[in-house]
PDB file of N, CA and C in Angstrom:
ATOM      1  N   MET A   1     -16.720 217.348  49.866  1.00  0.00           N
ATOM      2  CA  MET A   1     -16.271 216.706  48.696  1.00  0.00           C
ATOM      3  C   MET A   1     -17.041 215.407  48.394  1.00  0.00           C
ATOM      4  N   ASP A   2     -17.299 215.151  47.163  1.00  0.00           N
ATOM      5  CA  ASP A   2     -18.011 214.035  46.771  1.00  0.00           C
ATOM      6  C   ASP A   2     -17.279 212.699  47.129  1.00  0.00           C
ATOM      7  N   GLN A   3     -17.932 211.786  47.737  1.00  0.00           N
ATOM      8  CA  GLN A   3     -17.344 210.584  48.251  1.00  0.00           C
ATOM      9  C   GLN A   3     -16.717 209.760  47.082  1.00  0.00           C
ATOM     10  N   SER A   4     -17.375 209.592  45.965  1.00  0.00           N
ATOM     11  CA  SER A   4     -16.903 208.793  44.984  1.00  0.00           C
ATOM     12  C   SER A   4     -15.743 209.439  44.331  1.00  0.00           C
ATOM     13  N   LYS A   5     -15.633 210.778  44.214  1.00  0.00           N
ATOM     14  CA  LYS A   5     -14.361 211.319  43.754  1.00  0.00           C
ATOM     15  C   LYS A   5     -13.129 211.121  44.610  1.00  0.00           C
ATOM     16  N   GLY A   6     -13.443 211.204  45.908  1.00  0.00           N
ATOM     17  CA  GLY A   6     -12.421 211.020  46.900  1.00  0.00           C
ATOM     18  C   GLY A   6     -11.807 209.597  46.744  1.00  0.00           C
ATOM     19  N   ALA A   7     -12.729 208.560  46.561  1.00  0.00           N
ATOM     20  CA  ALA A   7     -12.192 207.266  46.416  1.00  0.00           C
ATOM     21  C   ALA A   7     -11.466 207.064  45.193  1.00  0.00           C
ATOM     22  N   ALA A   8     -11.826 207.681  44.117  1.00  0.00           N
ATOM     23  CA  ALA A   8     -11.047 207.607  42.793  1.00  0.00           C
ATOM     24  C   ALA A   8      -9.675 208.179  42.997  1.00  0.00           C
ATOM     25  N   GLU A   9      -9.603 209.280  43.628  1.00  0.00           N
ATOM     26  CA  GLU A   9      -8.404 209.939  43.949  1.00  0.00           C
ATOM     27  C   GLU A   9      -7.386 209.104  44.681  1.00  0.00           C
ATOM     28  N   VAL A  10      -7.900 208.531  45.746  1.00  0.00           N
ATOM     29  CA  VAL A  10      -7.217 207.675  46.615  1.00  0.00           C
ATOM     30  C   VAL A  10      -6.697 206.314  45.812  1.00  0.00           C
ATOM     31  N   SER A  11      -7.587 205.844  45.036  1.00  0.00           N
ATOM     32  CA  SER A  11      -7.199 204.627  44.215  1.00  0.00           C
ATOM     33  C   SER A  11      -6.191 205.022  43.264  1.00  0.00           C
ATOM     34  N   LEU A  12      -6.299 206.169  42.462  1.00  0.00           N
ATOM     35  CA  LEU A  12      -5.401 206.587  41.560  1.00  0.00           C
ATOM     36  C   LEU A  12      -4.005 206.891  42.239  1.00  0.00           C
ATOM     37  N   GLY A  13      -4.103 207.430  43.358  1.00  0.00           N
ATOM     38  CA  GLY A  13      -2.753 207.723  44.100  1.00  0.00           C
ATOM     39  C   GLY A  13      -2.108 206.441  44.537  1.00  0.00           C
ATOM     40  N   ALA A  14      -2.808 205.446  44.901  1.00  0.00           N
ATOM     41  CA  ALA A  14      -2.173 204.312  45.211  1.00  0.00           C
ATOM     42  C   ALA A  14      -1.581 203.573  44.150  1.00  0.00           C
ATOM     43  N   SER A  15      -2.256 203.627  43.024  1.00  0.00           N
ATOM     44  CA  SER A  15      -1.829 202.830  41.777  1.00  0.00           C
ATOM     45  C   SER A  15      -0.493 203.540  41.273  1.00  0.00           C
ATOM     46  N   LEU A  16      -0.440 204.806  41.472  1.00  0.00           N
ATOM     47  CA  LEU A  16       0.743 205.577  41.040  1.00  0.00           C
ATOM     48  C   LEU A  16       2.049 205.230  41.907  1.00  0.00           C
ATOM     49  N   ARG A  17       1.807 204.740  43.152  1.00  0.00           N
ATOM     50  CA  ARG A  17       2.838 204.546  44.076  1.00  0.00           C
ATOM     51  C   ARG A  17       3.344 203.076  43.892  1.00  0.00           C
ATOM     52  N   THR A  18       2.665 202.248  43.245  1.00  0.00           N
ATOM     53  CA  THR A  18       3.049 200.860  43.223  1.00  0.00           C
ATOM     54  C   THR A  18       3.285 200.449  41.687  1.00  0.00           C
ATOM     55  N   ILE A  19       4.489 199.905  41.461  1.00  0.00           N
ATOM     56  CA  ILE A  19       4.849 199.414  40.146  1.00  0.00           C
ATOM     57  C   ILE A  19       5.053 197.923  40.277  1.00  0.00           C
ATOM     58  N   VAL A  20       4.434 197.216  39.356  1.00  0.00           N
ATOM     59  CA  VAL A  20       4.626 195.841  39.329  1.00  0.00           C
ATOM     60  C   VAL A  20       5.323 195.449  38.021  1.00  0.00           C
ATOM     61  N   PHE A  21       6.594 195.135  38.111  1.00  0.00           N
ATOM     62  CA  PHE A  21       7.342 194.921  36.854  1.00  0.00           C
ATOM     63  C   PHE A  21       6.632 193.882  35.985  1.00  0.00           C
ATOM     64  N   SER A  22       6.341 192.771  36.669  1.00  0.00           N
ATOM     65  CA  SER A  22       5.855 191.627  35.886  1.00  0.00           C
ATOM     66  C   SER A  22       4.610 192.032  35.051  1.00  0.00           C
ATOM     67  N   HIS A  23       3.759 192.909  35.519  1.00  0.00           N
ATOM     68  CA  HIS A  23       2.639 193.378  34.643  1.00  0.00           C
ATOM     69  C   HIS A  23       3.139 194.036  33.343  1.00  0.00           C
ATOM     70  N   TYR A  24       4.108 194.886  33.461  1.00  0.00           N
ATOM     71  CA  TYR A  24       4.670 195.563  32.259  1.00  0.00           C
ATOM     72  C   TYR A  24       5.331 194.696  31.515  1.00  0.00           C
ATOM     73  N   TRP A  25       6.201 193.705  31.964  1.00  0.00           N
ATOM     74  CA  TRP A  25       6.821 192.695  31.262  1.00  0.00           C
ATOM     75  C   TRP A  25       5.876 191.872  30.419  1.00  0.00           C
ATOM     76  N   ASP A  26       4.886 191.391  31.183  1.00  0.00           N
ATOM     77  CA  ASP A  26       3.924 190.531  30.414  1.00  0.00           C
ATOM     78  C   ASP A  26       3.268 191.291  29.272  1.00  0.00           C
ATOM     79  N   ASP A  27       3.038 192.571  29.316  1.00  0.00           N
ATOM     80  CA  ASP A  27       2.463 193.322  28.233  1.00  0.00           C
ATOM     81  C   ASP A  27       3.384 193.592  27.101  1.00  0.00           C
ATOM     82  N   ALA A  28       4.692 193.766  27.554  1.00  0.00           N
ATOM     83  CA  ALA A  28       5.696 194.195  26.609  1.00  0.00           C
ATOM     84  C   ALA A  28       6.235 192.939  25.823  1.00  0.00           C
ATOM     85  N   ARG A  29       6.388 191.739  26.584  1.00  0.00           N
ATOM     86  CA  ARG A  29       7.021 190.731  26.050  1.00  0.00           C
ATOM     87  C   ARG A  29       6.688 190.204  24.552  1.00  0.00           C
ATOM     88  N   PRO A  30       5.428 190.113  24.275  1.00  0.00           N
ATOM     89  CA  PRO A  30       4.975 189.736  23.007  1.00  0.00           C
ATOM     90  C   PRO A  30       5.527 190.658  21.819  1.00  0.00           C
ATOM     91  N   HIS A  31       5.627 192.043  22.168  1.00  0.00           N
ATOM     92  CA  HIS A  31       6.032 193.007  21.272  1.00  0.00           C
ATOM     93  C   HIS A  31       7.656 192.850  21.167  1.00  0.00           C
ATOM     94  N   ILE A  32       8.213 192.609  22.260  1.00  0.00           N
ATOM     95  CA  ILE A  32       9.752 192.357  22.325  1.00  0.00           C
ATOM     96  C   ILE A  32      10.135 191.150  21.399  1.00  0.00           C
ATOM     97  N   ILE A  33       9.318 190.070  21.458  1.00  0.00           N
ATOM     98  CA  ILE A  33       9.553 188.892  20.734  1.00  0.00           C
ATOM     99  C   ILE A  33       9.565 189.133  19.238  1.00  0.00           C
ATOM    100  N   GLN A  34       8.908 190.176  18.923  1.00  0.00           N
ATOM    101  CA  GLN A  34       8.747 190.446  17.361  1.00  0.00           C
ATOM    102  C   GLN A  34      10.107 190.972  16.815  1.00  0.00           C
ATOM    103  N   CYS A  35      10.992 191.348  17.714  1.00  0.00           N
ATOM    104  CA  CYS A  35      12.281 192.041  17.334  1.00  0.00           C
ATOM    105  C   CYS A  35      13.403 190.962  17.240  1.00  0.00           C
ATOM    106  N   GLY A  36      13.202 189.663  17.643  1.00  0.00           N
ATOM    107  CA  GLY A  36      14.182 188.741  17.481  1.00  0.00           C
ATOM    108  C   GLY A  36      13.756 187.397  17.960  1.00  0.00           C
ATOM    109  N   ASP A  37      14.804 186.591  18.272  1.00  0.00           N
ATOM    110  CA  ASP A  37      14.511 185.115  18.717  1.00  0.00           C
ATOM    111  C   ASP A  37      13.848 184.978  19.980  1.00  0.00           C
ATOM    112  N   PRO A  38      12.657 184.487  20.071  1.00  0.00           N
ATOM    113  CA  PRO A  38      12.040 184.276  21.442  1.00  0.00           C
ATOM    114  C   PRO A  38      12.713 183.379  22.326  1.00  0.00           C
ATOM    115  N   GLU A  39      13.760 182.614  21.828  1.00  0.00           N
ATOM    116  CA  GLU A  39      14.538 181.621  22.739  1.00  0.00           C
ATOM    117  C   GLU A  39      15.878 182.398  23.045  1.00  0.00           C
ATOM    118  N   ALA A  40      16.004 183.522  22.721  1.00  0.00           N
ATOM    119  CA  ALA A  40      17.350 184.217  22.982  1.00  0.00           C
ATOM    120  C   ALA A  40      17.581 184.284  24.662  1.00  0.00           C
ATOM    121  N   PRO A  41      18.903 183.942  24.894  1.00  0.00           N
ATOM    122  CA  PRO A  41      19.200 183.913  26.346  1.00  0.00           C
ATOM    123  C   PRO A  41      19.093 185.239  26.963  1.00  0.00           C
ATOM    124  N   GLU A  42      19.255 186.420  26.226  1.00  0.00           N
ATOM    125  CA  GLU A  42      19.114 187.700  26.817  1.00  0.00           C
ATOM    126  C   GLU A  42      17.631 187.923  27.233  1.00  0.00           C
ATOM    127  N   LEU A  43      16.792 187.466  26.469  1.00  0.00           N
ATOM    128  CA  LEU A  43      15.359 187.599  26.866  1.00  0.00           C
ATOM    129  C   LEU A  43      14.986 186.987  28.212  1.00  0.00           C
ATOM    130  N   ALA A  44      15.472 185.730  28.378  1.00  0.00           N
ATOM    131  CA  ALA A  44      15.340 185.003  29.598  1.00  0.00           C
ATOM    132  C   ALA A  44      16.066 185.693  30.721  1.00  0.00           C
ATOM    133  N   ASN A  45      17.212 186.303  30.493  1.00  0.00           N
ATOM    134  CA  ASN A  45      18.062 186.963  31.459  1.00  0.00           C
ATOM    135  C   ASN A  45      17.325 188.265  31.966  1.00  0.00           C
ATOM    136  N   VAL A  46      16.765 188.971  31.016  1.00  0.00           N
ATOM    137  CA  VAL A  46      16.037 190.253  31.342  1.00  0.00           C
ATOM    138  C   VAL A  46      14.890 189.995  32.247  1.00  0.00           C
ATOM    139  N   GLU A  47      14.191 188.873  31.827  1.00  0.00           N
ATOM    140  CA  GLU A  47      12.907 188.502  32.499  1.00  0.00           C
ATOM    141  C   GLU A  47      13.251 188.017  33.997  1.00  0.00           C
ATOM    142  N   ALA A  48      14.384 187.280  34.183  1.00  0.00           N
ATOM    143  CA  ALA A  48      14.762 186.771  35.423  1.00  0.00           C
ATOM    144  C   ALA A  48      15.191 188.032  36.293  1.00  0.00           C
ATOM    145  N   ASN A  49      15.850 189.017  35.688  1.00  0.00           N
ATOM    146  CA  ASN A  49      16.336 190.047  36.451  1.00  0.00           C
ATOM    147  C   ASN A  49      15.140 191.010  36.849  1.00  0.00           C
ATOM    148  N   LEU A  50      14.121 191.086  35.994  1.00  0.00           N
ATOM    149  CA  LEU A  50      12.953 191.864  36.528  1.00  0.00           C
ATOM    150  C   LEU A  50      12.190 191.212  37.618  1.00  0.00           C
ATOM    151  N   ARG A  51      12.006 189.890  37.437  1.00  0.00           N
ATOM    152  CA  ARG A  51      11.357 189.094  38.513  1.00  0.00           C
ATOM    153  C   ARG A  51      12.060 189.204  39.864  1.00  0.00           C
ATOM    154  N   GLU A  52      13.562 189.163  39.778  1.00  0.00           N
ATOM    155  CA  GLU A  52      14.241 189.283  40.957  1.00  0.00           C
ATOM    156  C   GLU A  52      14.092 190.593  41.665  1.00  0.00           C
ATOM    157  N   PHE A  53      14.088 191.675  40.775  1.00  0.00           N
ATOM    158  CA  PHE A  53      13.959 192.985  41.370  1.00  0.00           C
ATOM    159  C   PHE A  53      12.569 193.112  42.076  1.00  0.00           C
ATOM    160  N   GLU A  54      11.497 192.509  41.368  1.00  0.00           N
ATOM    161  CA  GLU A  54      10.172 192.575  41.967  1.00  0.00           C
ATOM    162  C   GLU A  54      10.113 191.817  43.349  1.00  0.00           C
ATOM    163  N   VAL A  55      10.865 190.719  43.513  1.00  0.00           N
ATOM    164  CA  VAL A  55      10.866 190.129  44.729  1.00  0.00           C
ATOM    165  C   VAL A  55      11.485 190.979  45.938  1.00  0.00           C
ATOM    166  N   ILE A  56      12.605 191.600  45.476  1.00  0.00           N
ATOM    167  CA  ILE A  56      13.452 192.346  46.460  1.00  0.00           C
ATOM    168  C   ILE A  56      12.715 193.563  46.813  1.00  0.00           C
ATOM    169  N   ASP A  57      12.152 194.263  45.614  1.00  0.00           N
ATOM    170  CA  ASP A  57      11.584 195.692  45.893  1.00  0.00           C
ATOM    171  C   ASP A  57      10.144 195.700  45.197  1.00  0.00           C
ATOM    172  N   PRO A  58       9.184 194.982  45.748  1.00  0.00           N
ATOM    173  CA  PRO A  58       7.794 194.989  45.177  1.00  0.00           C
ATOM    174  C   PRO A  58       7.205 196.195  44.822  1.00  0.00           C
ATOM    175  N   GLY A  59       7.532 197.283  45.583  1.00  0.00           N
ATOM    176  CA  GLY A  59       6.859 198.630  45.313  1.00  0.00           C
ATOM    177  C   GLY A  59       7.734 199.423  44.245  1.00  0.00           C
ATOM    178  N   ALA A  60       8.877 199.032  43.969  1.00  0.00           N
ATOM    179  CA  ALA A  60       9.785 199.664  43.098  1.00  0.00           C
ATOM    180  C   ALA A  60      10.243 201.007  43.582  1.00  0.00           C
ATOM    181  N   ASP A  61      10.204 201.250  44.887  1.00  0.00           N
ATOM    182  CA  ASP A  61      10.764 202.376  45.611  1.00  0.00           C
ATOM    183  C   ASP A  61      11.718 202.218  46.674  1.00  0.00           C
ATOM    184  N   GLY A  62      11.897 200.969  47.126  1.00  0.00           N
ATOM    185  CA  GLY A  62      12.870 200.717  48.190  1.00  0.00           C
ATOM    186  C   GLY A  62      14.285 200.939  47.885  1.00  0.00           C
ATOM    187  N   PHE A  63      14.752 200.846  46.604  1.00  0.00           N
ATOM    188  CA  PHE A  63      16.081 201.219  46.289  1.00  0.00           C
ATOM    189  C   PHE A  63      16.369 202.620  46.452  1.00  0.00           C
ATOM    190  N   ARG A  64      15.279 203.377  46.385  1.00  0.00           N
ATOM    191  CA  ARG A  64      15.517 204.856  46.534  1.00  0.00           C
ATOM    192  C   ARG A  64      15.517 205.406  47.941  1.00  0.00           C
ATOM    193  N   TYR A  65      15.014 204.719  48.919  1.00  0.00           N
ATOM    194  CA  TYR A  65      14.829 205.227  50.315  1.00  0.00           C
ATOM    195  C   TYR A  65      15.295 204.211  51.199  1.00  0.00           C
ATOM    196  N   PRO A  66      15.981 204.612  52.337  1.00  0.00           N
ATOM    197  CA  PRO A  66      16.449 203.701  53.358  1.00  0.00           C
ATOM    198  C   PRO A  66      15.277 203.137  54.267  1.00  0.00           C
ATOM    199  N   LEU A  67      14.296 203.775  54.447  1.00  0.00           N
ATOM    200  CA  LEU A  67      13.166 203.325  55.216  1.00  0.00           C
ATOM    201  C   LEU A  67      11.866 203.280  54.435  1.00  0.00           C
ATOM    202  N   ASN A  68      10.931 202.427  54.953  1.00  0.00           N
ATOM    203  CA  ASN A  68       9.674 202.265  54.363  1.00  0.00           C
ATOM    204  C   ASN A  68       8.837 203.597  54.481  1.00  0.00           C
ATOM    205  N   ARG A  69       7.725 203.718  53.895  1.00  0.00           N
ATOM    206  CA  ARG A  69       6.913 204.851  53.945  1.00  0.00           C
ATOM    207  C   ARG A  69       6.539 205.231  55.351  1.00  0.00           C
ATOM    208  N   ASP A  70       6.306 204.350  56.290  1.00  0.00           N
ATOM    209  CA  ASP A  70       5.989 204.576  57.608  1.00  0.00           C
ATOM    210  C   ASP A  70       7.211 205.022  58.460  1.00  0.00           C
ATOM    211  N   ARG A  71       8.318 204.838  57.855  1.00  0.00           N
ATOM    212  CA  ARG A  71       9.607 205.045  58.555  1.00  0.00           C
ATOM    213  C   ARG A  71       9.791 204.156  59.802  1.00  0.00           C
ATOM    214  N   THR A  72       9.339 202.893  59.759  1.00  0.00           N
ATOM    215  CA  THR A  72       9.311 201.969  60.802  1.00  0.00           C
ATOM    216  C   THR A  72      10.366 200.821  60.608  1.00  0.00           C
ATOM    217  N   ALA A  73      10.765 200.619  59.391  1.00  0.00           N
ATOM    218  CA  ALA A  73      11.578 199.498  58.995  1.00  0.00           C
ATOM    219  C   ALA A  73      12.389 199.797  57.874  1.00  0.00           C
ATOM    220  N   ARG A  74      13.455 198.874  57.578  1.00  0.00           N
ATOM    221  CA  ARG A  74      14.097 199.248  56.394  1.00  0.00           C
ATOM    222  C   ARG A  74      13.326 199.067  55.088  1.00  0.00           C
ATOM    223  N   SER A  75      13.690 199.719  54.106  1.00  0.00           N
ATOM    224  CA  SER A  75      12.673 199.637  52.914  1.00  0.00           C
ATOM    225  C   SER A  75      12.840 198.506  52.044  1.00  0.00           C
ATOM    226  N   LEU A  76      13.858 197.669  52.249  1.00  0.00           N
ATOM    227  CA  LEU A  76      13.944 196.390  51.462  1.00  0.00           C
ATOM    228  C   LEU A  76      14.084 195.236  52.320  1.00  0.00           C
ATOM    229  N   PRO A  77      12.979 194.776  52.967  1.00  0.00           N
ATOM    230  CA  PRO A  77      12.949 193.672  53.922  1.00  0.00           C
ATOM    231  C   PRO A  77      13.416 192.384  53.218  1.00  0.00           C
ATOM    232  N   ASN A  78      13.232 192.166  51.924  1.00  0.00           N
ATOM    233  CA  ASN A  78      13.503 191.035  51.243  1.00  0.00           C
ATOM    234  C   ASN A  78      14.895 191.027  50.490  1.00  0.00           C
ATOM    235  N   ALA A  79      15.548 192.123  50.807  1.00  0.00           N
ATOM    236  CA  ALA A  79      17.045 192.158  50.104  1.00  0.00           C
ATOM    237  C   ALA A  79      17.927 191.267  50.742  1.00  0.00           C
ATOM    238  N   PRO A  80      18.923 190.808  49.978  1.00  0.00           N
ATOM    239  CA  PRO A  80      19.952 189.924  50.595  1.00  0.00           C
ATOM    240  C   PRO A  80      20.760 190.838  51.534  1.00  0.00           C
ATOM    241  N   GLU A  81      21.519 190.187  52.449  1.00  0.00           N
ATOM    242  CA  GLU A  81      22.187 190.942  53.494  1.00  0.00           C
ATOM    243  C   GLU A  81      23.427 191.726  52.862  1.00  0.00           C
ATOM    244  N   TYR A  82      23.990 191.147  51.859  1.00  0.00           N
ATOM    245  CA  TYR A  82      25.016 191.923  51.174  1.00  0.00           C
ATOM    246  C   TYR A  82      24.716 192.105  49.709  1.00  0.00           C
ATOM    247  N   VAL A  83      24.938 193.220  49.105  1.00  0.00           N
ATOM    248  CA  VAL A  83      24.792 193.371  47.666  1.00  0.00           C
ATOM    249  C   VAL A  83      26.102 193.921  47.067  1.00  0.00           C
ATOM    250  N   ASN A  84      26.557 193.310  46.074  1.00  0.00           N
ATOM    251  CA  ASN A  84      27.787 193.672  45.220  1.00  0.00           C
ATOM    252  C   ASN A  84      27.263 194.750  44.292  1.00  0.00           C
ATOM    253  N   LEU A  85      27.608 196.002  44.672  1.00  0.00           N
ATOM    254  CA  LEU A  85      27.112 197.005  43.888  1.00  0.00           C
ATOM    255  C   LEU A  85      27.589 197.070  42.343  1.00  0.00           C
ATOM    256  N   ARG A  86      28.841 196.550  42.187  1.00  0.00           N
ATOM    257  CA  ARG A  86      29.348 196.471  40.788  1.00  0.00           C
ATOM    258  C   ARG A  86      28.459 195.553  40.044  1.00  0.00           C
ATOM    259  N   ILE A  87      28.085 194.358  40.571  1.00  0.00           N
ATOM    260  CA  ILE A  87      27.324 193.369  39.845  1.00  0.00           C
ATOM    261  C   ILE A  87      25.904 193.992  39.639  1.00  0.00           C
ATOM    262  N   LEU A  88      25.313 194.627  40.681  1.00  0.00           N
ATOM    263  CA  LEU A  88      23.999 195.217  40.535  1.00  0.00           C
ATOM    264  C   LEU A  88      24.082 196.245  39.420  1.00  0.00           C
ATOM    265  N   HIS A  89      25.059 197.171  39.352  1.00  0.00           N
ATOM    266  CA  HIS A  89      25.224 198.187  38.353  1.00  0.00           C
ATOM    267  C   HIS A  89      25.320 197.562  36.975  1.00  0.00           C
ATOM    268  N   GLU A  90      26.058 196.449  36.835  1.00  0.00           N
ATOM    269  CA  GLU A  90      26.285 195.793  35.538  1.00  0.00           C
ATOM    270  C   GLU A  90      24.907 195.268  35.074  1.00  0.00           C
ATOM    271  N   ALA A  91      24.169 194.617  36.013  1.00  0.00           N
ATOM    272  CA  ALA A  91      22.809 194.066  35.632  1.00  0.00           C
ATOM    273  C   ALA A  91      21.851 195.054  35.269  1.00  0.00           C
ATOM    274  N   MET A  92      21.833 196.263  35.946  1.00  0.00           N
ATOM    275  CA  MET A  92      20.937 197.321  35.712  1.00  0.00           C
ATOM    276  C   MET A  92      21.312 197.944  34.390  1.00  0.00           C
ATOM    277  N   GLU A  93      22.569 198.002  33.999  1.00  0.00           N
ATOM    278  CA  GLU A  93      23.151 198.708  32.838  1.00  0.00           C
ATOM    279  C   GLU A  93      22.660 197.703  31.605  1.00  0.00           C
ATOM    280  N   ALA A  94      22.800 196.357  31.806  1.00  0.00           N
ATOM    281  CA  ALA A  94      22.438 195.491  30.730  1.00  0.00           C
ATOM    282  C   ALA A  94      21.059 195.497  30.499  1.00  0.00           C
ATOM    283  N   LEU A  95      20.190 195.623  31.634  1.00  0.00           N
ATOM    284  CA  LEU A  95      18.793 195.712  31.410  1.00  0.00           C
ATOM    285  C   LEU A  95      18.412 196.955  30.696  1.00  0.00           C
ATOM    286  N   ALA A  96      19.000 198.201  31.140  1.00  0.00           N
ATOM    287  CA  ALA A  96      18.711 199.395  30.507  1.00  0.00           C
ATOM    288  C   ALA A  96      19.108 199.359  28.939  1.00  0.00           C
ATOM    289  N   ASN A  97      20.160 198.766  28.674  1.00  0.00           N
ATOM    290  CA  ASN A  97      20.588 198.640  27.301  1.00  0.00           C
ATOM    291  C   ASN A  97      19.788 197.828  26.407  1.00  0.00           C
ATOM    292  N   PHE A  98      19.371 196.615  26.997  1.00  0.00           N
ATOM    293  CA  PHE A  98      18.409 195.830  26.285  1.00  0.00           C
ATOM    294  C   PHE A  98      17.079 196.517  25.932  1.00  0.00           C
ATOM    295  N   LEU A  99      16.507 197.226  27.020  1.00  0.00           N
ATOM    296  CA  LEU A  99      15.212 197.870  26.845  1.00  0.00           C
ATOM    297  C   LEU A  99      15.341 199.143  25.892  1.00  0.00           C
ATOM    298  N   SER A 100      16.499 199.739  25.840  1.00  0.00           N
ATOM    299  CA  SER A 100      16.692 200.802  24.938  1.00  0.00           C
ATOM    300  C   SER A 100      16.839 200.360  23.544  1.00  0.00           C
ATOM    301  N   GLY A 101      17.550 199.084  23.331  1.00  0.00           N
ATOM    302  CA  GLY A 101      17.541 198.642  21.974  1.00  0.00           C
ATOM    303  C   GLY A 101      16.229 198.168  21.509  1.00  0.00           C
ATOM    304  N   VAL A 102      15.266 197.589  22.423  1.00  0.00           N
ATOM    305  CA  VAL A 102      13.913 197.300  21.955  1.00  0.00           C
ATOM    306  C   VAL A 102      13.107 198.512  21.604  1.00  0.00           C
ATOM    307  N   ARG A 103      13.314 199.549  22.435  1.00  0.00           N
ATOM    308  CA  ARG A 103      12.588 200.739  22.060  1.00  0.00           C
ATOM    309  C   ARG A 103      13.031 201.306  20.730  1.00  0.00           C
ATOM    310  N   SER A 104      14.358 201.318  20.423  1.00  0.00           N
ATOM    311  CA  SER A 104      14.839 201.643  19.203  1.00  0.00           C
ATOM    312  C   SER A 104      14.242 200.898  18.012  1.00  0.00           C
ATOM    313  N   GLU A 105      14.272 199.634  18.176  1.00  0.00           N
ATOM    314  CA  GLU A 105      13.790 198.625  17.171  1.00  0.00           C
ATOM    315  C   GLU A 105      12.377 198.816  16.903  1.00  0.00           C
ATOM    316  N   LEU A 106      11.598 198.885  17.961  1.00  0.00           N
ATOM    317  CA  LEU A 106      10.028 199.023  17.782  1.00  0.00           C
ATOM    318  C   LEU A 106       9.639 200.307  17.184  1.00  0.00           C
ATOM    319  N   GLY A 107      10.424 201.465  17.594  1.00  0.00           N
ATOM    320  CA  GLY A 107      10.279 202.793  17.115  1.00  0.00           C
ATOM    321  C   GLY A 107      10.533 202.795  15.608  1.00  0.00           C
ATOM    322  N   THR A 108      11.556 202.068  15.185  1.00  0.00           N
ATOM    323  CA  THR A 108      11.961 202.141  13.699  1.00  0.00           C
ATOM    324  C   THR A 108      10.819 201.274  12.974  1.00  0.00           C
ATOM    325  N   ARG A 109      10.265 200.234  13.534  1.00  0.00           N
ATOM    326  CA  ARG A 109       9.277 199.514  12.821  1.00  0.00           C
ATOM    327  C   ARG A 109       7.943 200.353  12.789  1.00  0.00           C
ATOM    328  N   LEU A 110       7.758 201.279  13.767  1.00  0.00           N
ATOM    329  CA  LEU A 110       6.555 202.045  13.565  1.00  0.00           C
ATOM    330  C   LEU A 110       6.614 203.227  12.562  1.00  0.00           C
ATOM    331  N   ASP A 111       7.854 203.544  12.195  1.00  0.00           N
ATOM    332  CA  ASP A 111       7.948 204.771  11.382  1.00  0.00           C
ATOM    333  C   ASP A 111       7.837 204.308   9.904  1.00  0.00           C
TER     334      ASP A 111
END
């Protein structure tokens, strides 16, 4: 196998396994601000939630699996000792609703 091709495949594979919320948010935020008030508390709340998720689950896969990829430790070493699942659910639902509304608004503007 060609060495350069192998390196590209490994690099691509690694990038697909790692999600950095802040990079997506930094790209999306200017477009989201076009939909409303840039000082809206909802915008600050969404950003704070995304950044908190990134601290707790930097690879965006720890919430899905109990152990890390090597199966040597728990998947969320930065997680708090206790998680109130109702509050987590409400935060995730609010985030999903916000982003769904943004998608709808931006989609309408593109039409």
